[in-house]
Amino acid sequence: MNSTDQTPAGLLGAALATDAARPLVTYYDDATGERVELSAATLANWVAKTANLLQDEFAVERGDRVTLLLPAHWQTAVWVLACSAAGAVADLDGDAAAAAVAVSGPDRLDAALACPGDRVALSLRPLGARFPEPPSGFADYAVAAPGQPDAFAAYDPPGPDDPALCVEGQELTGRRLVELARADARQRGLGPGDRVMSLSGYDTWAGLSEGLLAPLAAGASVVLCRNAELLDAAGRAARVASERVTHFAA
């Protein structure tokens, strides 16, 4: 394992170097009909913009906690990887009151208000659209992020043994995250070119691993499905076929 791929952001860098154009995250919302496909290059671009937002606009430093009150979504994947790049600890479904920054979807704004620092709201509308009217006390991610630079360099680069993420109350270093993700990928038999369909949230290790980190560690890709309970069996089978899904994670 190289020193550069011992963090989630490092895994994204490896995917970018291997094949920047290949689809890495495909996202469906069956409540809205939305489908978004992000190549490694497009995902990396969003990660760079978000990491710059954290570092330059919100003055987040290495080790600061960023609470993510978000469902499994392509923008949540961006935030997890951006926190890793900036050296912040991504706290999935954590306590906003203990965070330097709280990031929330439209249904968790009340919980995010407990954050004493900066707060960011994501509309989770199709194509990453902005809120019709920004929530009071929050920066609108769709307004704040697009103008950030397309490349990112950390002022104080995180190391693999720094805390990188907290999920289900367990804090993990970047190195440990990558080890666990690679172990999960081996257990699932994932390899380069595989496509994992995930219906799980990102508030558990299993959901985060199967829906992002294990495929990333294996050189595979993920098809995230939100509100998939609205899809009937025929629709699900059609999606599996059209997306060339090789592995399924409920």
Protein backbone atom coordinates (compact mmCIF):
# COMPACT_ATOMS: atom_id res chain seq x y z
CA MET A 1 0.00 0.00 0.00
CA ASN A 2 1.41 3.36 -1.01
CA SER A 3 1.48 6.26 1.44
CA THR A 4 -0.79 8.18 -0.93
CA ASP A 5 -3.65 5.66 -0.84
CA GLN A 6 -4.02 5.20 2.90
CA THR A 7 -6.91 7.65 3.22
CA PRO A 8 -10.29 7.85 1.44
CA ALA A 9 -9.10 10.90 -0.50
CA GLY A 10 -6.01 8.92 -1.50
CA LEU A 11 -8.22 6.14 -2.86
CA LEU A 12 -10.02 8.72 -5.01
CA GLY A 13 -6.67 9.96 -6.25
CA ALA A 14 -5.74 6.41 -7.25
CA ALA A 15 -9.05 6.01 -9.12
CA LEU A 16 -8.44 9.30 -10.90
CA ALA A 17 -4.95 8.21 -11.97
CA THR A 18 -6.19 4.83 -13.20
CA ASP A 19 -9.09 6.00 -15.37
CA ALA A 20 -10.42 9.51 -14.88
CA ALA A 21 -13.31 9.07 -17.29
CA ARG A 22 -14.89 5.91 -15.91
CA PRO A 23 -18.18 6.19 -13.97
CA LEU A 24 -17.46 6.06 -10.25
CA VAL A 25 -20.73 7.04 -8.56
CA THR A 26 -24.15 6.73 -10.20
CA TYR A 27 -27.04 8.08 -8.14
CA TYR A 28 -30.78 7.48 -8.43
CA ASP A 29 -33.60 9.06 -6.45
CA ASP A 30 -36.78 7.12 -7.15
CA ALA A 31 -38.93 9.81 -5.54
CA THR A 32 -37.89 12.40 -8.14
CA GLY A 33 -36.70 10.32 -11.08
CA GLU A 34 -33.23 11.83 -10.81
CA ARG A 35 -30.19 10.04 -12.22
CA VAL A 36 -26.70 11.51 -11.88
CA GLU A 37 -23.50 9.86 -13.05
CA LEU A 38 -20.12 11.10 -11.84
CA SER A 39 -16.85 10.01 -13.40
CA ALA A 40 -13.73 9.85 -11.27
CA ALA A 41 -12.74 13.25 -12.70
CA THR A 42 -16.10 14.87 -11.97
CA LEU A 43 -16.23 13.47 -8.44
CA ALA A 44 -12.67 14.65 -7.80
CA ASN A 45 -13.61 18.13 -9.05
CA TRP A 46 -16.52 18.35 -6.61
CA VAL A 47 -14.30 17.04 -3.81
CA ALA A 48 -11.67 19.71 -4.53
CA LYS A 49 -14.27 22.49 -4.53
CA THR A 50 -15.76 21.25 -1.25
CA ALA A 51 -12.39 20.83 0.43
CA ASN A 52 -11.49 24.39 -0.59
CA LEU A 53 -14.79 25.56 0.88
CA LEU A 54 -13.95 23.85 4.16
CA GLN A 55 -10.40 25.14 4.31
CA ASP A 56 -10.68 28.67 2.94
CA GLU A 57 -14.25 29.74 3.69
CA PHE A 58 -14.90 27.91 6.97
CA ALA A 59 -11.28 27.82 8.24
CA VAL A 60 -11.50 24.12 9.05
CA GLU A 61 -8.20 22.75 10.34
CA ARG A 62 -6.81 19.24 10.56
CA GLY A 63 -8.71 17.30 13.23
CA ASP A 64 -11.79 19.54 13.25
CA ARG A 65 -15.10 17.71 13.24
CA VAL A 66 -17.63 18.10 10.41
CA THR A 67 -21.02 16.58 11.18
CA LEU A 68 -22.83 15.20 8.13
CA LEU A 69 -26.59 14.94 8.62
CA LEU A 70 -27.20 13.54 5.16
CA PRO A 71 -28.61 10.44 3.45
CA ALA A 72 -26.69 8.26 1.03
CA HIS A 73 -26.37 10.68 -1.88
CA TRP A 74 -23.71 11.61 -4.41
CA GLN A 75 -23.14 14.89 -2.56
CA THR A 76 -22.64 13.01 0.71
CA ALA A 77 -19.92 10.97 -0.98
CA VAL A 78 -18.33 14.27 -2.00
CA TRP A 79 -18.38 15.56 1.57
CA VAL A 80 -16.89 12.37 3.04
CA LEU A 81 -13.98 12.54 0.60
CA ALA A 82 -13.56 16.31 0.94
CA CYS A 83 -13.27 16.01 4.71
CA SER A 84 -10.58 13.39 4.19
CA ALA A 85 -8.67 15.67 1.81
CA ALA A 86 -8.83 18.63 4.20
CA GLY A 87 -7.97 16.56 7.27
CA ALA A 88 -11.33 17.04 8.97
CA VAL A 89 -13.16 14.25 10.76
CA ALA A 90 -16.38 13.41 8.90
CA ASP A 91 -18.91 12.56 11.62
CA LEU A 92 -21.77 10.63 10.02
CA ASP A 93 -25.07 11.39 11.74
CA GLY A 94 -23.12 12.84 14.66
CA ASP A 95 -23.81 15.54 17.23
CA ALA A 96 -23.86 18.93 15.54
CA ALA A 97 -23.25 20.66 18.87
CA ALA A 98 -19.73 19.16 18.95
CA ALA A 99 -18.85 20.11 15.36
CA ALA A 100 -16.92 22.95 13.80
CA VAL A 101 -19.20 22.67 10.76
CA ALA A 102 -22.58 21.00 10.35
CA VAL A 103 -23.80 19.90 6.93
CA SER A 104 -27.47 19.06 6.57
CA GLY A 105 -30.11 18.05 4.09
CA PRO A 106 -33.48 19.82 4.15
CA ASP A 107 -34.98 17.40 6.68
CA ARG A 108 -32.23 17.76 9.34
CA LEU A 109 -31.87 21.53 9.55
CA ASP A 110 -33.23 21.72 13.09
CA ALA A 111 -30.58 19.29 14.35
CA ALA A 112 -27.84 21.16 12.48
CA LEU A 113 -28.76 24.44 14.21
CA ALA A 114 -27.07 23.07 17.34
CA CYS A 115 -23.69 23.60 15.65
CA PRO A 116 -21.93 26.66 17.14
CA GLY A 117 -19.84 27.10 14.00
CA ASP A 118 -20.62 27.25 10.31
CA ARG A 119 -23.64 25.45 8.88
CA VAL A 120 -24.18 24.29 5.32
CA ALA A 121 -27.50 23.21 3.82
CA LEU A 122 -27.92 20.91 0.83
CA SER A 123 -31.24 20.99 -0.98
CA LEU A 124 -30.71 17.44 -2.34
CA ARG A 125 -32.79 18.56 -5.33
CA PRO A 126 -32.08 17.12 -8.79
CA LEU A 127 -28.79 18.22 -10.36
CA GLY A 128 -27.64 19.76 -7.07
CA ALA A 129 -29.95 22.73 -7.43
CA ARG A 130 -29.98 25.52 -4.87
CA PHE A 131 -32.77 26.18 -2.39
CA PRO A 132 -35.55 28.45 -3.70
CA GLU A 133 -34.84 30.45 -0.55
CA PRO A 134 -31.72 29.76 1.55
CA PRO A 135 -32.48 28.45 5.06
CA SER A 136 -31.79 31.04 7.73
CA GLY A 137 -28.44 30.49 9.44
CA PHE A 138 -27.04 28.29 6.67
CA ALA A 139 -24.84 28.67 3.62
CA ASP A 140 -26.42 27.09 0.55
CA TYR A 141 -23.94 24.50 -0.74
CA ALA A 142 -25.17 24.93 -4.32
CA VAL A 143 -24.26 28.62 -4.12
CA ALA A 144 -21.04 28.38 -2.08
CA ALA A 145 -19.25 25.44 -3.72
CA PRO A 146 -19.32 25.94 -7.52
CA GLY A 147 -17.12 29.03 -7.45
CA GLN A 148 -14.36 27.34 -5.46
CA PRO A 149 -11.10 26.32 -7.20
CA ASP A 150 -10.99 23.05 -9.11
CA ALA A 151 -7.76 21.91 -7.46
CA PHE A 152 -7.05 21.49 -3.75
CA ALA A 153 -3.90 21.46 -1.64
CA ALA A 154 -4.18 21.14 2.14
CA TYR A 155 -2.29 23.73 4.17
CA ASP A 156 -1.69 21.09 6.84
CA PRO A 157 -1.96 17.74 5.03
CA PRO A 158 -3.48 14.90 7.07
CA GLY A 159 -1.58 11.68 7.60
CA PRO A 160 -2.97 8.14 7.48
CA ASP A 161 -2.91 7.86 11.26
CA ASP A 162 -4.97 11.00 11.83
CA PRO A 163 -8.67 10.55 12.73
CA ALA A 164 -10.63 10.67 9.48
CA LEU A 165 -14.19 9.57 10.12
CA CYS A 166 -16.66 8.73 12.85
CA VAL A 167 -19.56 6.37 12.16
CA GLU A 168 -21.86 4.69 14.68
CA GLY A 169 -19.84 6.45 17.39
CA GLN A 170 -16.56 4.81 16.34
CA GLU A 171 -13.69 7.08 15.28
CA LEU A 172 -11.39 5.65 12.62
CA THR A 173 -8.10 6.80 11.13
CA GLY A 174 -7.59 7.04 7.41
CA ARG A 175 -5.36 3.98 7.45
CA ARG A 176 -7.94 1.94 9.36
CA LEU A 177 -10.72 3.05 7.05
CA VAL A 178 -8.79 1.87 4.01
CA GLU A 179 -7.91 -1.44 5.69
CA LEU A 180 -11.55 -2.09 6.56
CA ALA A 181 -12.77 -1.05 3.12
CA ARG A 182 -10.28 -3.35 1.41
CA ALA A 183 -11.24 -6.21 3.72
CA ASP A 184 -14.92 -5.64 2.90
CA ALA A 185 -14.11 -5.57 -0.81
CA ARG A 186 -12.27 -8.89 -0.55
CA GLN A 187 -15.13 -10.43 1.41
CA ARG A 188 -17.61 -9.33 -1.27
CA GLY A 189 -15.34 -10.45 -4.09
CA LEU A 190 -15.10 -6.96 -5.56
CA GLY A 191 -12.56 -6.15 -8.21
CA PRO A 192 -11.83 -3.56 -10.90
CA GLY A 193 -14.80 -2.93 -13.13
CA ASP A 194 -17.43 -4.32 -10.76
CA ARG A 195 -20.61 -2.33 -10.13
CA VAL A 196 -22.24 -2.39 -6.67
CA MET A 197 -25.89 -1.39 -6.27
CA SER A 198 -26.51 -0.10 -2.74
CA LEU A 199 -29.84 0.76 -1.13
CA SER A 200 -28.32 1.51 2.30
CA GLY A 201 -27.80 4.77 4.15
CA TYR A 202 -24.42 6.22 5.07
CA ASP A 203 -25.13 6.32 8.82
CA THR A 204 -23.67 2.84 9.42
CA TRP A 205 -20.27 1.39 8.57
CA ALA A 206 -21.90 -1.30 6.42
CA GLY A 207 -23.84 1.27 4.39
CA LEU A 208 -20.86 3.61 3.97
CA SER A 209 -18.51 0.80 3.04
CA GLU A 210 -20.73 -0.98 0.55
CA GLY A 211 -22.05 2.30 -0.88
CA LEU A 212 -18.70 4.09 -1.32
CA LEU A 213 -15.48 2.98 0.34
CA ALA A 214 -15.26 -0.74 -0.52
CA PRO A 215 -15.96 -0.18 -4.23
CA LEU A 216 -13.50 2.72 -4.26
CA ALA A 217 -10.84 0.56 -2.58
CA ALA A 218 -11.38 -2.26 -5.10
CA GLY A 219 -11.35 -0.16 -8.26
CA ALA A 220 -15.08 -0.79 -8.63
CA SER A 221 -17.97 1.67 -8.83
CA VAL A 222 -21.28 2.18 -7.04
CA VAL A 223 -24.91 2.69 -8.00
CA LEU A 224 -26.59 4.50 -5.09
CA CYS A 225 -30.37 4.20 -4.93
CA ARG A 226 -32.38 6.49 -2.66
CA ASN A 227 -36.10 5.86 -2.07
CA ALA A 228 -35.67 2.52 -3.83
CA GLU A 229 -38.71 1.15 -1.99
CA LEU A 230 -40.74 3.03 -4.59
CA LEU A 231 -39.25 0.86 -7.34
CA ASP A 232 -41.07 -2.38 -8.15
CA ALA A 233 -39.30 -5.68 -8.85
CA ALA A 234 -39.41 -5.20 -12.61
CA GLY A 235 -37.97 -1.70 -12.32
CA ARG A 236 -35.19 -2.92 -10.07
CA ALA A 237 -34.33 -5.75 -12.44
CA ALA A 238 -34.24 -3.31 -15.34
CA ARG A 239 -31.86 -1.04 -13.44
CA VAL A 240 -29.57 -3.93 -12.55
CA ALA A 241 -29.36 -4.80 -16.24
CA SER A 242 -28.97 -1.24 -17.57
CA GLU A 243 -26.30 -0.33 -15.02
CA ARG A 244 -24.46 -3.64 -15.47
CA VAL A 245 -24.63 -4.30 -11.74
CA THR A 246 -22.44 -7.18 -10.59
CA HIS A 247 -23.03 -7.01 -6.81
CA PHE A 248 -26.08 -6.06 -4.78
CA ALA A 249 -26.08 -4.61 -1.25
CA ALA A 250 -29.45 -4.11 0.43
